[in-house]
Amino acid sequence: MITRARQINLAIAAVLIATAAACQAQDSAGHRRDGQPAPGATRPFTLVASGDVLPHSSIIDRAASDAGGDGYDFRPMLAGVRPIVSGADLAICHMETVYGADGDYTGYPVFKSPPQVAEGLAATGYDACSTASNHSLDDGAAGIRRTLDALDRAGVRHAGSARTAREASAATLLRAG
């Protein structure tokens, strides 16, 4: 009878042998010895993942000022990170708040951000945002709908909250590069 420890050691040995064989068949760039790409070869990519986009009242006021009295402009606040974000193969942020209705924007404790945040994120180079947070229901289902609609209009993909049960059950797939 083979002991549990022996079974584990045999499994580890099998994985190591398989890995070594795969390494012999292709180089670090994923090419076979004949120079052709190996089936399923991968290439490196860059990923930028940033935390909470969380517009407090002072941030909303600054965006109104940056827009010169015509709405809200979040691009100037995000300009410093634009070279890094836009240079990534895939850039993801976390949209902590929902978007409010026209002019109904608030900061802490119940957040409702201007939908122009989505335009600022897109202009900065973000490809997608996670949207599930403790503030997802700060303006109910209407806030979720406005947020996802604004992200869609801006071309920013999203995952985490959903407008419908069908949308909630669908996976959001992102391609790097």
Protein backbone atom coordinates (compact mmCIF):
# COMPACT_ATOMS: atom_id res chain seq x y z
CA MET A 1 0.00 0.00 0.00
CA ILE A 2 1.33 3.46 -0.93
CA THR A 3 1.33 5.99 1.89
CA ARG A 4 -0.24 9.43 1.47
CA ALA A 5 3.20 11.10 1.62
CA ARG A 6 4.48 8.80 -1.13
CA GLN A 7 1.45 9.62 -3.30
CA ILE A 8 2.15 13.34 -2.91
CA ASN A 9 5.83 12.88 -3.73
CA LEU A 10 4.97 10.86 -6.85
CA ALA A 11 2.50 13.55 -7.98
CA ILE A 12 5.10 16.30 -7.49
CA ALA A 13 7.68 14.27 -9.41
CA ALA A 14 5.24 13.77 -12.31
CA VAL A 15 4.53 17.52 -12.49
CA LEU A 16 8.27 18.32 -12.47
CA ILE A 17 8.98 15.80 -15.23
CA ALA A 18 6.14 17.16 -17.37
CA THR A 19 7.36 20.73 -16.83
CA ALA A 20 10.93 19.81 -17.76
CA ALA A 21 9.73 18.09 -20.93
CA ALA A 22 7.71 21.14 -21.93
CA CYS A 23 10.72 23.40 -21.33
CA GLN A 24 12.85 21.21 -23.60
CA ALA A 25 10.33 21.47 -26.40
CA GLN A 26 10.20 25.27 -26.50
CA ASP A 27 12.30 28.24 -25.49
CA SER A 28 11.32 31.05 -23.11
CA ALA A 29 9.65 33.01 -25.93
CA GLY A 30 7.27 30.12 -26.58
CA HIS A 31 8.92 28.92 -29.79
CA ARG A 32 9.67 25.33 -30.74
CA ARG A 33 13.21 24.36 -31.67
CA ASP A 34 12.30 24.94 -35.33
CA GLY A 35 11.46 28.60 -34.54
CA GLN A 36 7.71 28.25 -34.95
CA PRO A 37 5.37 29.39 -32.14
CA ALA A 38 4.43 26.54 -29.85
CA PRO A 39 0.74 25.66 -29.71
CA GLY A 40 -0.85 27.76 -26.97
CA ALA A 41 2.29 29.94 -26.69
CA THR A 42 1.86 32.99 -24.54
CA ARG A 43 3.55 36.34 -24.51
CA PRO A 44 4.07 38.68 -21.59
CA PHE A 45 1.75 41.62 -21.07
CA THR A 46 1.46 44.57 -18.72
CA LEU A 47 -1.41 44.95 -16.31
CA VAL A 48 -2.32 48.08 -14.38
CA ALA A 49 -4.81 47.53 -11.59
CA SER A 50 -5.71 50.46 -9.39
CA GLY A 51 -7.92 50.80 -6.38
CA ASP A 52 -10.91 52.90 -5.51
CA VAL A 53 -12.15 55.68 -7.75
CA LEU A 54 -14.05 57.42 -4.95
CA PRO A 55 -15.11 61.01 -5.69
CA HIS A 56 -15.77 62.84 -2.44
CA SER A 57 -17.51 66.22 -2.59
CA SER A 58 -14.20 68.11 -2.91
CA ILE A 59 -13.26 65.98 -5.96
CA ILE A 60 -16.65 66.59 -7.56
CA ASP A 61 -16.23 70.34 -6.93
CA ARG A 62 -12.74 70.25 -8.51
CA ALA A 63 -14.10 68.44 -11.59
CA ALA A 64 -16.79 71.13 -11.93
CA SER A 65 -14.10 73.82 -11.74
CA ASP A 66 -11.91 71.97 -14.27
CA ALA A 67 -14.89 71.89 -16.67
CA GLY A 68 -15.10 75.69 -16.58
CA GLY A 69 -18.76 75.78 -15.64
CA ASP A 70 -19.84 73.25 -18.25
CA GLY A 71 -20.42 69.94 -16.45
CA TYR A 72 -17.57 67.96 -14.88
CA ASP A 73 -14.12 67.11 -16.20
CA PHE A 74 -12.12 64.44 -14.36
CA ARG A 75 -9.38 64.19 -17.00
CA PRO A 76 -7.08 66.85 -15.46
CA MET A 77 -7.07 65.00 -12.12
CA LEU A 78 -6.18 61.75 -13.85
CA ALA A 79 -3.58 63.25 -16.22
CA GLY A 80 -0.65 62.33 -13.97
CA VAL A 81 -1.35 58.60 -14.24
CA ARG A 82 -2.37 58.62 -17.89
CA PRO A 83 1.09 57.63 -19.25
CA ILE A 84 1.18 54.54 -17.03
CA VAL A 85 -2.46 53.55 -17.47
CA SER A 86 -2.63 54.12 -21.22
CA GLY A 87 0.69 52.33 -21.73
CA ALA A 88 -0.56 49.08 -20.19
CA ASP A 89 -1.89 46.22 -22.26
CA LEU A 90 -4.78 46.00 -19.82
CA ALA A 91 -5.81 48.61 -17.24
CA ILE A 92 -8.49 47.99 -14.63
CA CYS A 93 -9.76 50.26 -11.86
CA HIS A 94 -12.33 49.89 -9.13
CA MET A 95 -15.32 52.25 -9.49
CA GLU A 96 -16.35 52.48 -5.86
CA THR A 97 -19.38 54.74 -6.33
CA VAL A 98 -22.48 54.81 -8.49
CA TYR A 99 -23.39 57.71 -10.74
CA GLY A 100 -26.19 60.06 -9.75
CA ALA A 101 -28.90 61.71 -11.81
CA ASP A 102 -28.33 65.18 -13.34
CA GLY A 103 -26.97 67.47 -10.64
CA ASP A 104 -27.75 65.05 -7.80
CA TYR A 105 -24.14 64.34 -6.85
CA THR A 106 -23.01 63.70 -3.31
CA GLY A 107 -19.96 62.53 -1.42
CA TYR A 108 -19.73 60.77 1.90
CA PRO A 109 -21.63 58.94 3.33
CA VAL A 110 -24.00 58.23 0.40
CA PHE A 111 -22.01 58.61 -2.81
CA LYS A 112 -23.51 59.62 -6.15
CA SER A 113 -20.83 60.70 -8.62
CA PRO A 114 -21.19 62.52 -11.93
CA PRO A 115 -21.28 60.12 -14.90
CA GLN A 116 -18.44 62.11 -16.49
CA VAL A 117 -16.13 60.05 -14.28
CA ALA A 118 -16.52 57.28 -16.89
CA GLU A 119 -15.33 59.63 -19.66
CA GLY A 120 -12.31 60.58 -17.56
CA LEU A 121 -11.45 56.93 -16.94
CA ALA A 122 -11.72 56.12 -20.65
CA ALA A 123 -9.57 59.12 -21.62
CA THR A 124 -6.94 58.00 -19.11
CA GLY A 125 -6.76 54.58 -20.76
CA TYR A 126 -8.72 52.32 -18.45
CA ASP A 127 -10.16 49.30 -20.22
CA ALA A 128 -12.45 48.12 -17.43
CA CYS A 129 -13.65 48.74 -13.89
CA SER A 130 -14.86 46.48 -11.15
CA THR A 131 -18.11 47.91 -9.81
CA ALA A 132 -19.16 45.82 -6.81
CA SER A 133 -18.60 47.70 -3.58
CA ASN A 134 -20.20 48.68 -0.32
CA HIS A 135 -21.53 51.77 -2.17
CA SER A 136 -23.11 49.87 -5.09
CA LEU A 137 -26.61 50.45 -3.75
CA ASP A 138 -26.14 54.05 -2.57
CA ASP A 139 -28.74 55.11 -5.15
CA GLY A 140 -30.53 51.78 -5.59
CA ALA A 141 -30.96 49.94 -8.86
CA ALA A 142 -31.23 53.23 -10.76
CA GLY A 143 -27.71 54.17 -9.63
CA ILE A 144 -26.33 50.86 -10.85
CA ARG A 145 -28.09 51.27 -14.19
CA ARG A 146 -26.80 54.85 -14.65
CA THR A 147 -23.27 53.77 -13.74
CA LEU A 148 -23.14 50.81 -16.11
CA ASP A 149 -24.82 52.80 -18.90
CA ALA A 150 -22.21 55.58 -18.54
CA LEU A 151 -19.34 53.08 -18.54
CA ASP A 152 -20.80 51.43 -21.65
CA ARG A 153 -21.10 54.81 -23.44
CA ALA A 154 -17.47 55.58 -22.55
CA GLY A 155 -16.30 52.18 -23.80
CA VAL A 156 -15.14 51.03 -20.38
CA ARG A 157 -15.96 47.37 -19.67
CA HIS A 158 -17.23 46.41 -16.22
CA ALA A 159 -17.84 43.50 -13.88
CA GLY A 160 -19.25 43.20 -10.39
CA SER A 161 -22.69 44.78 -10.52
CA ALA A 162 -25.39 44.23 -13.14
CA ARG A 163 -28.65 45.64 -14.46
CA THR A 164 -30.32 42.25 -14.87
CA ALA A 165 -30.00 38.68 -13.65
CA ARG A 166 -28.91 37.63 -17.15
CA GLU A 167 -26.17 40.26 -17.18
CA ALA A 168 -25.08 39.15 -13.70
CA SER A 169 -24.62 35.58 -14.89
CA ALA A 170 -22.50 36.54 -17.91
CA ALA A 171 -18.72 36.61 -17.59
CA THR A 172 -16.79 39.74 -18.54
CA LEU A 173 -13.79 38.66 -20.59
CA LEU A 174 -10.94 41.05 -21.26
CA ARG A 175 -8.13 40.63 -23.79
CA ALA A 176 -4.70 41.97 -22.95
CA GLY A 177 -2.75 43.59 -25.77
